[in-house]
Amino acid sequence: MSSIEETVAVVVVTYNSERLLPDLIASLGPGLEGMSWHLTVADNASGDGTVETLRRLAPAARIVQMGSNGGYSAGINAAVAVADPHTAVLVINPDIRLAPGCGRKLVSVLRRCDAGIVVPRLERGDGSAIPVLRREPSVLRALGDALLGARRAGRHPVLGEVVVGDRYYAEESTADWAAGSAMLVSAACWQRIAPWDESFFLYSEETDFALRARDAGFATRLAPDALAVHLEGESKVSPRLWALLTVNRVRLYRRRHGIVATLAYWAALVLRESSRALRGNRPSRAAAAALLSPRRLREAPGPTWGLPA
């Protein structure tokens, strides 16, 4: 199937994203040039002018007003459910900017390699590369991250979850999963694997989806010639969000492994976050406290997770 026959449903989940929308929407035309596509946005009850800005800048877009902040997965599921007919779903964060021709290159790899998920090569706003490929979480990889750091450990497949090294990004390659800020999902993969697990609220949802897709025979592939710029969010600087990210890693691991392996994985994360907390890292201090709280590990996350009621 050639790219001209494709119809891509572009799906964006917004939450107080007004300032990000002008550049995102401006990038869609060049990024998806030569393709048939339509935009569906799920807004998680933004308190700013997100919806009004969308209506002004993208009058043809379909907007789903969620009524509350139900999380990233809930927004994706709701948007795809009402999107016009499509052959693939392009899920992108509001802080993504597609480079010209990105969409056609993603679709080319999706069809030629018969993949389920294809991701672009990502760069930060300053042009530096973002490693987007990931290996399946394991106890040894969590320990490698704790003792060596994600980048050093990532150069060794057995020790690192983050795939690090130019050779992995210079050509098409397969990974267990990939960062979910920009990913193209085939309609066949979506129909087989969806919905996204809404119990995660935020973080680990893309890991869960991609690992379930892999288990069903749908590979995650990198399209190295497809480029997008990711301005990146605040998880690494927000104590609350980093704690949520870390706890959700344990929750996901528990779903796929037994209790003994999960305890070992939890201990490796405690080691990582505690060691960094001792060096004054505030997000790690919050993550360590959450990992050591039975209540935090049990409760379902939500928009006020980790905050006073």
Protein backbone atom coordinates (compact mmCIF):
# COMPACT_ATOMS: atom_id res chain seq x y z
CA MET A 1 0.00 0.00 0.00
CA SER A 2 1.49 3.36 -0.94
CA SER A 3 1.40 6.34 1.34
CA ILE A 4 -1.04 8.24 -0.93
CA GLU A 5 -3.70 5.60 -0.11
CA GLU A 6 -3.24 6.09 3.60
CA THR A 7 -5.51 8.11 5.83
CA VAL A 8 -3.89 8.96 9.14
CA ALA A 9 -5.87 9.89 12.24
CA VAL A 10 -3.71 12.40 14.10
CA VAL A 11 -4.55 12.18 17.81
CA VAL A 12 -3.46 14.73 20.41
CA VAL A 13 -4.34 14.81 24.11
CA THR A 14 -4.24 18.29 25.62
CA TYR A 15 -4.21 19.65 29.16
CA ASN A 16 -3.55 23.38 29.56
CA SER A 17 -1.64 23.23 26.27
CA GLU A 18 -2.63 26.61 24.80
CA ARG A 19 0.91 27.92 24.39
CA LEU A 20 2.08 24.75 22.61
CA LEU A 21 -0.67 24.55 20.00
CA PRO A 22 0.32 27.20 17.42
CA ASP A 23 3.67 25.56 16.61
CA LEU A 24 2.24 22.04 16.78
CA ILE A 25 -0.56 22.81 14.35
CA ALA A 26 1.77 24.74 12.05
CA SER A 27 4.01 21.66 11.80
CA LEU A 28 1.24 19.25 10.81
CA GLY A 29 0.82 20.47 7.22
CA PRO A 30 4.51 20.14 6.23
CA GLY A 31 4.96 17.07 8.42
CA LEU A 32 2.08 15.21 6.75
CA GLU A 33 2.46 16.66 3.27
CA GLY A 34 1.22 14.40 0.48
CA MET A 35 -0.98 12.40 2.83
CA SER A 36 -4.63 12.26 3.73
CA TRP A 37 -5.05 13.02 7.42
CA HIS A 38 -7.44 14.44 9.96
CA LEU A 39 -6.96 15.79 13.48
CA THR A 40 -8.82 14.71 16.60
CA VAL A 41 -8.00 16.29 19.96
CA ALA A 42 -9.11 15.07 23.38
CA ASP A 43 -8.96 17.86 25.94
CA ASN A 44 -8.68 16.82 29.59
CA ALA A 45 -10.62 19.77 31.03
CA SER A 46 -8.00 22.44 30.38
CA GLY A 47 -8.33 25.58 32.47
CA ASP A 48 -6.68 27.86 29.92
CA GLY A 49 -7.63 28.76 26.34
CA THR A 50 -6.71 25.40 24.82
CA VAL A 51 -10.10 24.60 23.31
CA GLU A 52 -10.66 28.12 21.99
CA THR A 53 -7.18 28.14 20.44
CA LEU A 54 -7.85 24.80 18.76
CA ARG A 55 -11.10 26.05 17.28
CA ARG A 56 -9.36 29.12 15.92
CA LEU A 57 -6.22 27.46 14.53
CA ALA A 58 -7.68 24.12 13.45
CA PRO A 59 -11.37 24.67 12.66
CA ALA A 60 -11.65 21.30 10.90
CA ALA A 61 -10.37 19.37 13.91
CA ARG A 62 -12.71 17.21 15.92
CA ILE A 63 -12.50 18.11 19.61
CA VAL A 64 -13.52 15.75 22.39
CA GLN A 65 -14.06 17.61 25.65
CA MET A 66 -13.47 14.99 28.32
CA GLY A 67 -15.08 16.98 31.14
CA SER A 68 -12.36 15.98 33.60
CA ASN A 69 -8.70 15.03 33.56
CA GLY A 70 -8.93 11.30 33.02
CA GLY A 71 -5.32 10.85 31.96
CA TYR A 72 -3.38 10.33 28.77
CA SER A 73 -4.70 6.87 27.87
CA ALA A 74 -8.31 7.89 28.39
CA GLY A 75 -7.81 10.83 26.05
CA ILE A 76 -6.21 8.67 23.35
CA ASN A 77 -8.97 6.08 23.56
CA ALA A 78 -11.72 8.72 23.41
CA ALA A 79 -10.14 10.52 20.45
CA VAL A 80 -9.64 7.39 18.37
CA ALA A 81 -13.17 6.24 19.14
CA VAL A 82 -14.67 9.27 17.36
CA ALA A 83 -12.00 9.83 14.70
CA ASP A 84 -13.00 9.56 11.05
CA PRO A 85 -12.05 6.36 9.17
CA HIS A 86 -8.30 5.80 9.02
CA THR A 87 -5.61 3.26 8.18
CA ALA A 88 -3.22 4.34 10.95
CA VAL A 89 -3.21 6.41 14.13
CA LEU A 90 -0.49 8.99 14.79
CA VAL A 91 -0.40 9.75 18.52
CA ILE A 92 1.60 12.88 19.31
CA ASN A 93 2.13 15.06 22.37
CA PRO A 94 1.26 18.76 22.17
CA ASP A 95 4.98 19.58 22.51
CA ILE A 96 5.92 17.62 19.37
CA ARG A 97 6.86 19.39 16.14
CA LEU A 98 6.89 17.24 13.00
CA ALA A 99 9.70 17.88 10.54
CA PRO A 100 8.68 18.11 6.86
CA GLY A 101 7.90 14.72 5.37
CA CYS A 102 7.88 12.94 8.74
CA GLY A 103 4.50 11.30 8.19
CA ARG A 104 5.27 9.75 4.81
CA LYS A 105 8.51 8.28 6.14
CA LEU A 106 6.75 6.78 9.14
CA VAL A 107 4.08 5.20 6.95
CA SER A 108 6.70 3.85 4.55
CA VAL A 109 8.41 1.91 7.33
CA LEU A 110 5.08 0.83 8.82
CA ARG A 111 3.98 -0.82 5.57
CA ARG A 112 7.29 -2.03 4.21
CA CYS A 113 8.28 -3.74 7.46
CA ASP A 114 4.74 -4.81 8.36
CA ALA A 115 5.27 -3.28 11.81
CA GLY A 116 2.58 -2.44 14.35
CA ILE A 117 4.19 0.72 15.74
CA VAL A 118 6.71 3.07 14.13
CA VAL A 119 8.40 6.00 15.86
CA PRO A 120 10.47 8.86 14.44
CA ARG A 121 13.92 9.91 15.46
CA LEU A 122 13.54 12.65 18.08
CA GLU A 123 15.56 15.75 18.80
CA ARG A 124 15.28 18.39 21.50
CA GLY A 125 14.69 22.01 20.66
CA ASP A 126 18.46 22.60 20.73
CA GLY A 127 19.06 19.89 18.13
CA SER A 128 20.49 17.27 20.49
CA ALA A 129 19.33 13.68 20.00
CA ILE A 130 16.79 12.01 22.28
CA PRO A 131 17.16 8.23 22.61
CA VAL A 132 13.60 6.96 22.05
CA LEU A 133 14.09 3.19 21.84
CA ARG A 134 13.69 1.01 24.90
CA ARG A 135 14.34 -2.55 26.00
CA GLU A 136 11.90 -4.45 28.18
CA PRO A 137 12.23 -3.54 31.87
CA SER A 138 14.19 -6.08 33.93
CA VAL A 139 15.77 -6.31 37.37
CA LEU A 140 19.27 -6.26 35.91
CA ARG A 141 18.50 -3.22 33.78
CA ALA A 142 17.04 -1.40 36.77
CA LEU A 143 20.23 -2.16 38.69
CA GLY A 144 22.37 -1.04 35.77
CA ASP A 145 20.49 2.26 35.70
CA ALA A 146 20.91 2.63 39.48
CA LEU A 147 24.64 1.93 39.49
CA LEU A 148 25.79 3.32 36.14
CA GLY A 149 23.13 5.79 35.09
CA ALA A 150 20.73 5.36 32.18
CA ARG A 151 23.11 6.48 29.44
CA ARG A 152 26.14 4.42 30.48
CA ALA A 153 24.03 1.35 31.19
CA GLY A 154 22.10 1.79 27.95
CA ARG A 155 25.19 1.06 25.87
CA HIS A 156 25.02 -2.53 27.14
CA PRO A 157 21.82 -4.38 26.17
CA VAL A 158 21.75 -6.55 29.28
CA LEU A 159 22.25 -3.59 31.64
CA GLY A 160 20.29 -0.73 30.12
CA GLU A 161 16.63 -0.16 29.31
CA VAL A 162 17.25 3.01 27.30
CA VAL A 163 18.83 2.10 23.96
CA VAL A 164 21.91 4.32 23.66
CA GLY A 165 24.37 4.47 20.77
CA ASP A 166 24.34 6.13 17.35
CA ARG A 167 24.40 2.78 15.56
CA TYR A 168 20.90 1.99 16.81
CA TYR A 169 19.49 5.22 15.36
CA ALA A 170 21.36 5.37 12.05
CA GLU A 171 19.19 2.70 10.44
CA GLU A 172 15.83 1.04 10.89
CA SER A 173 15.80 -1.04 14.04
CA THR A 174 13.36 -2.91 16.26
CA ALA A 175 12.86 -2.33 19.99
CA ASP A 176 10.67 -3.80 22.72
CA TRP A 177 8.99 -0.42 23.09
CA ALA A 178 9.62 3.25 22.49
CA ALA A 179 8.87 6.62 24.05
CA GLY A 180 5.23 7.46 23.38
CA SER A 181 5.54 11.16 22.55
CA ALA A 182 5.17 10.41 18.82
CA MET A 183 4.16 7.03 17.46
CA LEU A 184 2.32 5.76 14.40
CA VAL A 185 0.12 2.72 15.06
CA SER A 186 -1.33 0.61 12.27
CA ALA A 187 -5.10 0.17 12.28
CA ALA A 188 -4.59 -3.61 12.53
CA CYS A 189 -2.43 -3.21 15.62
CA TRP A 190 -4.88 -0.77 17.15
CA GLN A 191 -7.85 -3.06 16.59
CA ARG A 192 -6.02 -6.01 18.11
CA ILE A 193 -4.33 -4.34 21.11
CA ALA A 194 -6.46 -1.31 22.04
CA PRO A 195 -7.64 0.21 24.25
CA TRP A 196 -4.73 1.80 26.03
CA ASP A 197 -4.79 0.92 29.73
CA GLU A 198 -6.43 3.86 31.47
CA SER A 199 -5.42 2.66 34.94
CA PHE A 200 -1.93 4.13 34.46
CA PHE A 201 -3.27 7.71 34.10
CA LEU A 202 0.15 8.97 33.01
CA TYR A 203 3.45 7.14 32.30
CA SER A 204 3.99 3.44 31.48
CA GLU A 205 0.87 3.40 29.31
CA GLU A 206 2.95 3.40 26.13
CA THR A 207 5.21 0.69 27.58
CA ASP A 208 2.21 -1.48 28.34
CA PHE A 209 0.68 -0.93 24.89
CA ALA A 210 3.90 -1.64 22.97
CA LEU A 211 4.79 -4.73 25.01
CA ARG A 212 1.29 -6.14 24.51
CA ALA A 213 1.63 -5.36 20.80
CA ARG A 214 5.00 -7.13 20.66
CA ASP A 215 3.56 -10.15 22.45
CA ALA A 216 0.87 -10.31 19.74
CA GLY A 217 3.42 -10.11 16.92
CA PHE A 218 3.32 -6.37 16.20
CA ALA A 219 6.86 -4.99 16.30
CA THR A 220 7.93 -1.46 17.26
CA ARG A 221 10.27 -0.01 14.65
CA LEU A 222 12.34 3.16 14.32
CA ALA A 223 12.09 5.20 11.11
CA PRO A 224 15.48 6.98 11.23
CA ASP A 225 14.71 9.34 8.33
CA ALA A 226 11.52 10.57 10.01
CA LEU A 227 12.31 13.43 12.38
CA ALA A 228 10.31 15.21 15.04
CA VAL A 229 11.30 17.76 17.66
CA HIS A 230 10.19 17.11 21.24
CA LEU A 231 10.27 20.06 23.60
CA GLU A 232 9.86 17.50 26.44
CA GLY A 233 7.67 17.72 29.51
CA GLU A 234 8.33 18.32 33.17
CA SER A 235 8.55 14.78 34.54
CA LYS A 236 12.29 15.06 35.20
CA VAL A 237 11.94 18.31 37.12
CA SER A 238 8.57 17.79 38.82
CA PRO A 239 8.81 15.71 42.01
CA ARG A 240 5.16 14.67 41.78
CA LEU A 241 5.39 13.53 38.16
CA TRP A 242 8.70 11.74 38.64
CA ALA A 243 7.24 9.89 41.62
CA LEU A 244 4.22 8.89 39.55
CA LEU A 245 6.46 7.74 36.69
CA THR A 246 8.55 5.61 39.05
CA VAL A 247 5.63 3.99 40.86
CA ASN A 248 3.93 3.18 37.56
CA ARG A 249 7.06 1.32 36.49
CA VAL A 250 6.58 -1.01 39.46
CA ARG A 251 2.86 -1.38 38.74
CA LEU A 252 3.55 -2.36 35.14
CA TYR A 253 6.33 -4.78 36.11
CA ARG A 254 4.04 -6.49 38.64
CA ARG A 255 1.48 -7.17 35.93
CA ARG A 256 4.00 -9.08 33.87
CA HIS A 257 6.03 -10.87 36.57
CA GLY A 258 5.68 -12.74 39.84
CA ILE A 259 5.95 -11.25 43.30
CA VAL A 260 9.58 -12.26 43.91
CA ALA A 261 10.82 -10.69 40.67
CA THR A 262 8.70 -7.61 41.37
CA LEU A 263 10.22 -7.18 44.83
CA ALA A 264 13.69 -7.35 43.30
CA TYR A 265 12.71 -4.78 40.67
CA TRP A 266 11.19 -2.51 43.35
CA ALA A 267 14.38 -2.79 45.43
CA ALA A 268 16.50 -1.76 42.43
CA LEU A 269 14.34 1.32 41.90
CA VAL A 270 14.51 2.18 45.61
CA LEU A 271 18.30 1.97 45.38
CA ARG A 272 18.36 4.22 42.34
CA GLU A 273 16.04 6.90 43.70
CA SER A 274 17.45 6.84 47.25
CA SER A 275 21.03 7.23 46.05
CA ARG A 276 20.04 10.23 43.93
CA ALA A 277 17.92 11.68 46.73
CA LEU A 278 20.99 11.64 48.99
CA ARG A 279 22.72 13.85 46.41
CA GLY A 280 19.94 16.41 46.74
CA ASN A 281 17.75 15.40 43.80
CA ARG A 282 14.23 16.54 44.74
CA PRO A 283 12.30 14.42 42.18
CA SER A 284 14.19 11.33 43.34
CA ARG A 285 13.42 12.17 46.96
CA ALA A 286 9.70 12.21 46.09
CA ALA A 287 10.03 8.99 44.10
CA ALA A 288 11.83 7.18 46.93
CA ALA A 289 9.15 8.26 49.40
CA ALA A 290 6.43 7.00 47.07
CA LEU A 291 8.17 3.67 46.54
CA LEU A 292 8.42 3.20 50.30
CA SER A 293 4.74 4.01 50.84
CA PRO A 294 2.46 0.95 50.64
CA ARG A 295 -0.51 3.26 50.12
CA ARG A 296 1.09 4.95 47.10
CA LEU A 297 1.93 1.59 45.55
CA ARG A 298 -1.65 0.37 45.97
CA GLU A 299 -3.76 3.37 45.06
CA ALA A 300 -4.91 4.15 41.54
CA PRO A 301 -3.16 7.27 40.22
CA GLY A 302 -5.11 10.34 39.27
CA PRO A 303 -4.73 14.04 38.52
CA THR A 304 -4.05 14.86 42.19
CA TRP A 305 -1.88 11.80 42.88
CA GLY A 306 0.67 12.58 45.56
CA LEU A 307 -0.97 15.88 46.47
CA PRO A 308 -3.09 16.75 49.49
CA ALA A 309 -6.82 16.27 48.92
